[in-house]
Amino acid sequence: MKELFDTSSLTEDNPHLADPASVEASTAKTSAAALTRMRKDLEGSVAILTVCHKYLEALQQRTAVLEAMLKERHSIQKGDQFFAAEIKRAKAVDPFITALRERKDQLLADKDKELISLAWKTISTQAAADRKPRERADWIEACKTLVSLLQGTQHTS
């Protein structure tokens, strides 16, 4: 059993192992070199993590910008839908306005000249506006009243 732990052959092949101070110095040197490598590896890892952190911050900023752009796009789409509906409503009323303009002279000769003239002024003023969103219910109601007067019936709202 003593032969298993006999280090004499080891020290014969490596004489520097026979001196405990030499072994300790060698171990310290090896440990220092290992620690230096580990420190450099850690510094490299920290540098990589720093770069990754900066990249993630940049991604977060870009994500915030993209989210803001997406919200703005949704707002624009809602606005586009609103204006498309307004344009559709305006196009639906335009033929009626055109017909009224064509018959303006005939309307003014009618027995209810003042009422029709007032209704015509209201309608033409609204029709001449630049199609900004406005309350259309009043002037559509005026149109209905005018039509009922033209047809000889009384329109009730």
N, C-alpha and C. Protein backbone atom coordinates (compact mmCIF):
# COMPACT_ATOMS: atom_id res chain seq x y z
N MET A 1 0.81 -1.17 0.00
CA MET A 1 0.00 0.00 0.00
C MET A 1 0.86 1.25 0.00
N LYS A 2 2.00 1.14 0.64
CA LYS A 2 2.89 2.27 0.69
C LYS A 2 3.38 2.62 -0.70
N GLU A 3 3.45 1.62 -1.58
CA GLU A 3 3.92 1.87 -2.94
C GLU A 3 2.94 2.74 -3.72
N LEU A 4 1.67 2.63 -3.38
CA LEU A 4 0.68 3.45 -4.07
C LEU A 4 0.89 4.93 -3.81
N PHE A 5 1.36 5.26 -2.63
CA PHE A 5 1.53 6.66 -2.27
C PHE A 5 2.99 7.10 -2.32
N ASP A 6 3.82 6.28 -2.88
CA ASP A 6 5.24 6.62 -2.97
C ASP A 6 5.43 7.64 -4.08
N THR A 7 5.95 8.80 -3.74
CA THR A 7 6.14 9.87 -4.71
C THR A 7 7.60 10.00 -5.13
N SER A 8 8.41 9.06 -4.73
CA SER A 8 9.83 9.17 -5.05
C SER A 8 10.08 9.10 -6.54
N SER A 9 9.34 8.25 -7.24
CA SER A 9 9.56 8.18 -8.69
C SER A 9 9.09 9.48 -9.35
N LEU A 10 8.09 10.10 -8.79
CA LEU A 10 7.59 11.36 -9.34
C LEU A 10 8.63 12.46 -9.17
N THR A 11 9.26 12.49 -8.05
CA THR A 11 10.27 13.53 -7.82
C THR A 11 11.56 13.25 -8.57
N GLU A 12 11.81 11.97 -8.90
CA GLU A 12 13.00 11.66 -9.69
C GLU A 12 12.84 12.19 -11.11
N ASP A 13 11.63 12.04 -11.67
CA ASP A 13 11.38 12.52 -13.04
C ASP A 13 11.25 14.05 -13.08
N ASN A 14 10.76 14.63 -12.03
CA ASN A 14 10.54 16.09 -11.95
C ASN A 14 11.22 16.61 -10.68
N PRO A 15 12.50 16.92 -10.75
CA PRO A 15 13.23 17.32 -9.55
C PRO A 15 12.67 18.59 -8.89
N HIS A 16 12.01 19.45 -9.65
CA HIS A 16 11.50 20.68 -9.04
C HIS A 16 10.33 20.39 -8.09
N LEU A 17 9.74 19.18 -8.19
CA LEU A 17 8.65 18.82 -7.29
C LEU A 17 9.15 18.40 -5.91
N ALA A 18 10.44 18.11 -5.80
CA ALA A 18 11.01 17.69 -4.52
C ALA A 18 11.08 18.86 -3.55
N ASP A 19 11.20 20.05 -4.09
CA ASP A 19 11.30 21.24 -3.22
C ASP A 19 9.89 21.80 -2.99
N PRO A 20 9.39 21.76 -1.75
CA PRO A 20 8.04 22.25 -1.47
C PRO A 20 7.87 23.72 -1.82
N ALA A 21 8.87 24.53 -1.67
CA ALA A 21 8.77 25.95 -2.01
C ALA A 21 8.61 26.12 -3.51
N SER A 22 9.30 25.28 -4.25
CA SER A 22 9.21 25.32 -5.71
C SER A 22 7.82 24.90 -6.15
N VAL A 23 7.28 23.86 -5.50
CA VAL A 23 5.94 23.39 -5.83
C VAL A 23 4.92 24.49 -5.52
N GLU A 24 5.09 25.11 -4.37
CA GLU A 24 4.15 26.17 -3.98
C GLU A 24 4.23 27.35 -4.94
N ALA A 25 5.43 27.71 -5.36
CA ALA A 25 5.61 28.82 -6.30
C ALA A 25 4.99 28.47 -7.64
N SER A 26 5.20 27.24 -8.07
CA SER A 26 4.64 26.79 -9.34
C SER A 26 3.12 26.80 -9.28
N THR A 27 2.57 26.31 -8.16
CA THR A 27 1.12 26.29 -7.98
C THR A 27 0.57 27.72 -7.96
N ALA A 28 1.24 28.59 -7.27
CA ALA A 28 0.80 29.99 -7.19
C ALA A 28 0.85 30.64 -8.56
N LYS A 29 1.91 30.34 -9.31
CA LYS A 29 2.05 30.90 -10.65
C LYS A 29 0.94 30.39 -11.55
N THR A 30 0.66 29.08 -11.47
CA THR A 30 -0.41 28.48 -12.27
C THR A 30 -1.76 29.07 -11.87
N SER A 31 -1.96 29.20 -10.55
CA SER A 31 -3.23 29.76 -10.06
C SER A 31 -3.38 31.21 -10.50
N ALA A 32 -2.30 31.97 -10.44
CA ALA A 32 -2.35 33.37 -10.86
C ALA A 32 -2.67 33.47 -12.34
N ALA A 33 -2.06 32.60 -13.13
CA ALA A 33 -2.34 32.60 -14.56
C ALA A 33 -3.79 32.23 -14.82
N ALA A 34 -4.28 31.23 -14.07
CA ALA A 34 -5.68 30.82 -14.23
C ALA A 34 -6.62 31.95 -13.82
N LEU A 35 -6.29 32.61 -12.72
CA LEU A 35 -7.11 33.74 -12.27
C LEU A 35 -7.09 34.89 -13.28
N THR A 36 -5.92 35.13 -13.87
CA THR A 36 -5.81 36.18 -14.88
C THR A 36 -6.69 35.85 -16.09
N ARG A 37 -6.66 34.58 -16.52
CA ARG A 37 -7.51 34.15 -17.65
C ARG A 37 -8.99 34.30 -17.29
N MET A 38 -9.31 33.90 -16.07
CA MET A 38 -10.70 34.00 -15.63
C MET A 38 -11.15 35.47 -15.56
N ARG A 39 -10.26 36.34 -15.07
CA ARG A 39 -10.59 37.77 -15.00
C ARG A 39 -10.80 38.33 -16.39
N LYS A 40 -9.92 37.94 -17.34
CA LYS A 40 -10.07 38.41 -18.72
C LYS A 40 -11.37 37.87 -19.33
N ASP A 41 -11.68 36.61 -19.03
CA ASP A 41 -12.94 36.04 -19.52
C ASP A 41 -14.14 36.79 -18.95
N LEU A 42 -14.05 37.11 -17.65
CA LEU A 42 -15.13 37.87 -17.01
C LEU A 42 -15.26 39.27 -17.61
N GLU A 43 -14.11 39.91 -17.82
CA GLU A 43 -14.14 41.24 -18.43
C GLU A 43 -14.76 41.18 -19.83
N GLY A 44 -14.39 40.14 -20.57
CA GLY A 44 -14.99 39.95 -21.89
C GLY A 44 -16.49 39.72 -21.80
N SER A 45 -16.89 38.91 -20.82
CA SER A 45 -18.32 38.65 -20.63
C SER A 45 -19.06 39.92 -20.24
N VAL A 46 -18.45 40.71 -19.37
CA VAL A 46 -19.07 41.99 -18.96
C VAL A 46 -19.19 42.91 -20.17
N ALA A 47 -18.16 42.95 -21.00
CA ALA A 47 -18.22 43.79 -22.20
C ALA A 47 -19.34 43.32 -23.13
N ILE A 48 -19.45 42.01 -23.29
CA ILE A 48 -20.51 41.46 -24.14
C ILE A 48 -21.88 41.79 -23.56
N LEU A 49 -22.03 41.63 -22.24
CA LEU A 49 -23.30 41.96 -21.59
C LEU A 49 -23.62 43.44 -21.70
N THR A 50 -22.61 44.28 -21.62
CA THR A 50 -22.82 45.73 -21.77
C THR A 50 -23.33 46.05 -23.17
N VAL A 51 -22.71 45.44 -24.17
CA VAL A 51 -23.16 45.64 -25.55
C VAL A 51 -24.59 45.14 -25.72
N CYS A 52 -24.88 43.96 -25.17
CA CYS A 52 -26.23 43.41 -25.25
C CYS A 52 -27.24 44.32 -24.56
N HIS A 53 -26.85 44.86 -23.41
CA HIS A 53 -27.74 45.77 -22.68
C HIS A 53 -28.04 47.03 -23.50
N LYS A 54 -27.00 47.60 -24.10
CA LYS A 54 -27.19 48.78 -24.94
C LYS A 54 -28.07 48.45 -26.15
N TYR A 55 -27.87 47.28 -26.72
CA TYR A 55 -28.69 46.85 -27.85
C TYR A 55 -30.15 46.71 -27.43
N LEU A 56 -30.38 46.11 -26.26
CA LEU A 56 -31.75 45.97 -25.76
C LEU A 56 -32.39 47.32 -25.48
N GLU A 57 -31.62 48.26 -24.95
CA GLU A 57 -32.15 49.61 -24.73
C GLU A 57 -32.54 50.25 -26.06
N ALA A 58 -31.69 50.08 -27.07
CA ALA A 58 -32.00 50.62 -28.39
C ALA A 58 -33.26 49.96 -28.95
N LEU A 59 -33.40 48.66 -28.75
CA LEU A 59 -34.60 47.96 -29.20
C LEU A 59 -35.85 48.47 -28.47
N GLN A 60 -35.71 48.72 -27.18
CA GLN A 60 -36.85 49.25 -26.42
C GLN A 60 -37.26 50.63 -26.93
N GLN A 61 -36.27 51.46 -27.23
CA GLN A 61 -36.58 52.78 -27.77
C GLN A 61 -37.26 52.66 -29.13
N ARG A 62 -36.75 51.78 -29.96
CA ARG A 62 -37.33 51.57 -31.29
C ARG A 62 -38.75 51.02 -31.16
N THR A 63 -38.94 50.12 -30.21
CA THR A 63 -40.27 49.57 -29.98
C THR A 63 -41.24 50.67 -29.55
N ALA A 64 -40.78 51.56 -28.69
CA ALA A 64 -41.63 52.68 -28.25
C ALA A 64 -42.00 53.58 -29.43
N VAL A 65 -41.02 53.84 -30.29
CA VAL A 65 -41.28 54.66 -31.48
C VAL A 65 -42.28 53.96 -32.39
N LEU A 66 -42.09 52.66 -32.60
CA LEU A 66 -43.00 51.91 -33.46
C LEU A 66 -44.41 51.87 -32.88
N GLU A 67 -44.51 51.72 -31.56
CA GLU A 67 -45.83 51.72 -30.92
C GLU A 67 -46.51 53.07 -31.10
N ALA A 68 -45.75 54.15 -30.97
CA ALA A 68 -46.31 55.49 -31.18
C ALA A 68 -46.77 55.66 -32.62
N MET A 69 -45.95 55.16 -33.56
CA MET A 69 -46.33 55.24 -34.97
C MET A 69 -47.59 54.42 -35.24
N LEU A 70 -47.70 53.28 -34.61
CA LEU A 70 -48.87 52.43 -34.79
C LEU A 70 -50.12 53.11 -34.26
N LYS A 71 -50.00 53.74 -33.08
CA LYS A 71 -51.14 54.48 -32.53
C LYS A 71 -51.54 55.62 -33.46
N GLU A 72 -50.54 56.33 -33.98
CA GLU A 72 -50.82 57.42 -34.90
C GLU A 72 -51.50 56.90 -36.17
N ARG A 73 -51.03 55.76 -36.64
CA ARG A 73 -51.63 55.16 -37.84
C ARG A 73 -53.08 54.79 -37.59
N HIS A 74 -53.37 54.23 -36.40
CA HIS A 74 -54.75 53.89 -36.07
C HIS A 74 -55.61 55.16 -36.02
N SER A 75 -55.06 56.24 -35.48
CA SER A 75 -55.78 57.51 -35.43
C SER A 75 -56.05 58.02 -36.84
N ILE A 76 -55.05 57.91 -37.69
CA ILE A 76 -55.22 58.36 -39.07
C ILE A 76 -56.27 57.51 -39.77
N GLN A 77 -56.23 56.20 -39.54
CA GLN A 77 -57.23 55.33 -40.16
C GLN A 77 -58.63 55.69 -39.69
N LYS A 78 -58.78 55.97 -38.39
CA LYS A 78 -60.09 56.38 -37.88
C LYS A 78 -60.52 57.68 -38.53
N GLY A 79 -59.59 58.62 -38.66
CA GLY A 79 -59.89 59.89 -39.33
C GLY A 79 -60.27 59.67 -40.78
N ASP A 80 -59.52 58.80 -41.46
CA ASP A 80 -59.84 58.48 -42.86
C ASP A 80 -61.23 57.89 -42.98
N GLN A 81 -61.58 57.00 -42.05
CA GLN A 81 -62.91 56.40 -42.08
C GLN A 81 -63.98 57.47 -41.87
N PHE A 82 -63.73 58.40 -40.94
CA PHE A 82 -64.68 59.46 -40.68
C PHE A 82 -64.88 60.32 -41.93
N PHE A 83 -63.76 60.74 -42.54
CA PHE A 83 -63.87 61.60 -43.71
C PHE A 83 -64.45 60.85 -44.90
N ALA A 84 -64.18 59.57 -45.01
CA ALA A 84 -64.80 58.78 -46.08
C ALA A 84 -66.31 58.75 -45.91
N ALA A 85 -66.76 58.61 -44.67
CA ALA A 85 -68.20 58.63 -44.40
C ALA A 85 -68.79 60.00 -44.71
N GLU A 86 -68.07 61.07 -44.36
CA GLU A 86 -68.53 62.43 -44.66
C GLU A 86 -68.63 62.64 -46.17
N ILE A 87 -67.64 62.18 -46.89
CA ILE A 87 -67.65 62.32 -48.35
C ILE A 87 -68.81 61.54 -48.94
N LYS A 88 -69.04 60.34 -48.42
CA LYS A 88 -70.15 59.52 -48.91
C LYS A 88 -71.48 60.24 -48.67
N ARG A 89 -71.64 60.82 -47.47
CA ARG A 89 -72.87 61.57 -47.17
C ARG A 89 -73.02 62.77 -48.11
N ALA A 90 -71.91 63.47 -48.33
CA ALA A 90 -71.96 64.65 -49.20
C ALA A 90 -72.34 64.26 -50.62
N LYS A 91 -71.78 63.15 -51.10
CA LYS A 91 -72.11 62.70 -52.45
C LYS A 91 -73.57 62.29 -52.56
N ALA A 92 -74.12 61.76 -51.47
CA ALA A 92 -75.53 61.36 -51.49
C ALA A 92 -76.44 62.59 -51.56
N VAL A 93 -76.03 63.70 -50.97
CA VAL A 93 -76.85 64.92 -50.94
C VAL A 93 -76.62 65.78 -52.19
N ASP A 94 -75.46 65.70 -52.80
CA ASP A 94 -75.13 66.55 -53.95
C ASP A 94 -76.13 66.49 -55.10
N PRO A 95 -76.63 65.33 -55.52
CA PRO A 95 -77.61 65.34 -56.62
C PRO A 95 -78.88 66.13 -56.26
N PHE A 96 -79.29 66.05 -55.03
CA PHE A 96 -80.47 66.79 -54.60
C PHE A 96 -80.20 68.29 -54.66
N ILE A 97 -79.02 68.71 -54.21
CA ILE A 97 -78.63 70.12 -54.25
C ILE A 97 -78.58 70.60 -55.70
N THR A 98 -78.01 69.79 -56.56
CA THR A 98 -77.93 70.15 -57.98
C THR A 98 -79.32 70.34 -58.57
N ALA A 99 -80.23 69.43 -58.26
CA ALA A 99 -81.60 69.55 -58.76
C ALA A 99 -82.26 70.83 -58.24
N LEU A 100 -82.00 71.17 -56.99
CA LEU A 100 -82.57 72.40 -56.44
C LEU A 100 -82.00 73.64 -57.13
N ARG A 101 -80.74 73.63 -57.43
CA ARG A 101 -80.14 74.77 -58.13
C ARG A 101 -80.75 74.94 -59.51
N GLU A 102 -80.98 73.83 -60.19
CA GLU A 102 -81.56 73.89 -61.53
C GLU A 102 -82.97 74.45 -61.50
N ARG A 103 -83.66 74.22 -60.39
CA ARG A 103 -85.05 74.67 -60.32
C ARG A 103 -85.21 75.95 -59.51
N LYS A 104 -84.14 76.65 -59.24
CA LYS A 104 -84.18 77.84 -58.39
C LYS A 104 -85.16 78.89 -58.90
N ASP A 105 -85.07 79.21 -60.17
CA ASP A 105 -85.96 80.24 -60.73
C ASP A 105 -87.42 79.85 -60.59
N GLN A 106 -87.71 78.57 -60.83
CA GLN A 106 -89.08 78.09 -60.71
C GLN A 106 -89.56 78.18 -59.26
N LEU A 107 -88.70 77.88 -58.33
CA LEU A 107 -89.06 77.92 -56.92
C LEU A 107 -89.37 79.35 -56.47
N LEU A 108 -88.58 80.31 -56.94
CA LEU A 108 -88.78 81.69 -56.52
C LEU A 108 -90.10 82.26 -57.01
N ALA A 109 -90.66 81.70 -58.06
CA ALA A 109 -91.93 82.18 -58.60
C ALA A 109 -93.12 81.60 -57.84
N ASP A 110 -92.87 80.68 -56.96
CA ASP A 110 -93.94 80.02 -56.23
C ASP A 110 -94.61 80.98 -55.25
N LYS A 111 -95.84 80.66 -54.79
CA LYS A 111 -96.59 81.55 -53.89
C LYS A 111 -95.92 81.68 -52.52
N ASP A 112 -95.15 80.69 -52.09
CA ASP A 112 -94.43 80.78 -50.81
C ASP A 112 -93.00 81.25 -51.05
N LYS A 113 -92.91 82.34 -51.80
CA LYS A 113 -91.62 82.83 -52.26
C LYS A 113 -90.63 83.08 -51.10
N GLU A 114 -91.05 83.71 -50.04
CA GLU A 114 -90.14 84.03 -48.95
C GLU A 114 -89.62 82.78 -48.24
N LEU A 115 -90.52 81.85 -47.97
CA LEU A 115 -90.11 80.62 -47.29
C LEU A 115 -89.14 79.82 -48.16
N ILE A 116 -89.48 79.70 -49.42
CA ILE A 116 -88.62 78.94 -50.34
C ILE A 116 -87.29 79.66 -50.53
N SER A 117 -87.33 80.98 -50.63
CA SER A 117 -86.09 81.75 -50.79
C SER A 117 -85.19 81.57 -49.57
N LEU A 118 -85.79 81.63 -48.38
CA LEU A 118 -85.02 81.42 -47.16
C LEU A 118 -84.43 80.01 -47.12
N ALA A 119 -85.26 79.02 -47.47
CA ALA A 119 -84.77 77.64 -47.50
C ALA A 119 -83.65 77.50 -48.53
N TRP A 120 -83.83 78.14 -49.69
CA TRP A 120 -82.80 78.06 -50.73
C TRP A 120 -81.49 78.69 -50.25
N LYS A 121 -81.56 79.83 -49.59
CA LYS A 121 -80.35 80.49 -49.09
C LYS A 121 -79.65 79.59 -48.06
N THR A 122 -80.43 78.98 -47.19
CA THR A 122 -79.85 78.09 -46.19
C THR A 122 -79.16 76.91 -46.85
N ILE A 123 -79.86 76.30 -47.80
CA ILE A 123 -79.31 75.12 -48.48
C ILE A 123 -78.08 75.50 -49.30
N SER A 124 -78.16 76.58 -50.06
CA SER A 124 -77.02 76.95 -50.90
C SER A 124 -75.83 77.38 -50.06
N THR A 125 -76.08 78.03 -48.92
CA THR A 125 -74.98 78.40 -48.04
C THR A 125 -74.28 77.16 -47.50
N GLN A 126 -75.07 76.20 -47.07
CA GLN A 126 -74.49 74.95 -46.55
C GLN A 126 -73.79 74.18 -47.67
N ALA A 127 -74.38 74.17 -48.86
CA ALA A 127 -73.79 73.42 -49.97
C ALA A 127 -72.51 74.08 -50.45
N ALA A 128 -72.42 75.40 -50.32
CA ALA A 128 -71.23 76.11 -50.78
C ALA A 128 -70.08 75.99 -49.79
N ALA A 129 -70.37 75.53 -48.62
CA ALA A 129 -69.29 75.38 -47.62
C ALA A 129 -68.28 74.37 -48.13
N ASP A 130 -67.13 74.37 -47.55
CA ASP A 130 -66.04 73.53 -48.08
C ASP A 130 -66.06 72.11 -47.55
N ARG A 131 -67.18 71.59 -47.27
CA ARG A 131 -67.38 70.19 -46.88
C ARG A 131 -66.68 69.82 -45.57
N LYS A 132 -66.48 70.81 -44.73
CA LYS A 132 -65.95 70.48 -43.41
C LYS A 132 -67.04 69.74 -42.65
N PRO A 133 -66.66 68.91 -41.70
CA PRO A 133 -67.70 68.22 -40.92
C PRO A 133 -68.61 69.25 -40.26
N ARG A 134 -69.87 69.07 -40.42
CA ARG A 134 -70.84 70.00 -39.84
C ARG A 134 -72.11 69.25 -39.54
N GLU A 135 -72.96 69.90 -38.85
CA GLU A 135 -74.23 69.27 -38.54
C GLU A 135 -75.10 69.34 -39.79
N ARG A 136 -75.38 68.18 -40.33
CA ARG A 136 -76.17 68.12 -41.56
C ARG A 136 -77.65 67.95 -41.30
N ALA A 137 -78.00 67.57 -40.11
CA ALA A 137 -79.40 67.26 -39.82
C ALA A 137 -80.31 68.46 -40.08
N ASP A 138 -79.88 69.65 -39.69
CA ASP A 138 -80.72 70.84 -39.87
C ASP A 138 -80.97 71.15 -41.33
N TRP A 139 -79.92 71.12 -42.13
CA TRP A 139 -80.15 71.51 -43.51
C TRP A 139 -80.77 70.39 -44.33
N ILE A 140 -80.57 69.14 -43.91
CA ILE A 140 -81.29 68.05 -44.57
C ILE A 140 -82.78 68.16 -44.25
N GLU A 141 -83.08 68.54 -43.01
CA GLU A 141 -84.48 68.76 -42.62
C GLU A 141 -85.07 69.91 -43.44
N ALA A 142 -84.28 70.97 -43.66
CA ALA A 142 -84.75 72.09 -44.49
C ALA A 142 -85.01 71.62 -45.92
N CYS A 143 -84.16 70.73 -46.41
CA CYS A 143 -84.37 70.18 -47.75
C CYS A 143 -85.67 69.39 -47.81
N LYS A 144 -85.92 68.59 -46.80
CA LYS A 144 -87.16 67.80 -46.77
C LYS A 144 -88.37 68.72 -46.74
N THR A 145 -88.29 69.78 -45.95
CA THR A 145 -89.38 70.75 -45.88
C THR A 145 -89.60 71.39 -47.25
N LEU A 146 -88.50 71.76 -47.90
CA LEU A 146 -88.59 72.38 -49.22
C LEU A 146 -89.20 71.43 -50.23
N VAL A 147 -88.79 70.18 -50.18
CA VAL A 147 -89.35 69.18 -51.10
C VAL A 147 -90.84 69.01 -50.85
N SER A 148 -91.23 68.93 -49.59
CA SER A 148 -92.66 68.76 -49.30
C SER A 148 -93.45 69.98 -49.76
N LEU A 149 -92.86 71.18 -49.65
CA LEU A 149 -93.54 72.38 -50.16
C LEU A 149 -93.68 72.32 -51.67
N LEU A 150 -92.63 71.84 -52.31
CA LEU A 150 -92.68 71.73 -53.77
C LEU A 150 -93.73 70.71 -54.22
N GLN A 151 -93.88 69.67 -53.44
CA GLN A 151 -94.84 68.63 -53.80
C GLN A 151 -96.25 69.00 -53.35
N GLY A 152 -96.38 70.08 -52.64
CA GLY A 152 -97.69 70.52 -52.20
C GLY A 152 -98.15 69.85 -50.92
N THR A 153 -97.26 69.14 -50.24
CA THR A 153 -97.62 68.50 -48.98
C THR A 153 -96.85 69.17 -47.88
N GLN A 154 -97.34 69.04 -46.70
CA GLN A 154 -96.65 69.63 -45.55
C GLN A 154 -95.82 68.54 -44.88
N HIS A 155 -94.53 68.76 -44.74
CA HIS A 155 -93.61 67.79 -44.11
C HIS A 155 -93.61 68.03 -42.61
N THR A 156 -93.78 66.96 -41.87
CA THR A 156 -93.71 67.09 -40.41
C THR A 156 -92.53 66.30 -39.91
N SER A 157 -91.77 66.90 -38.99
CA SER A 157 -90.60 66.20 -38.48
C SER A 157 -90.89 65.57 -37.16
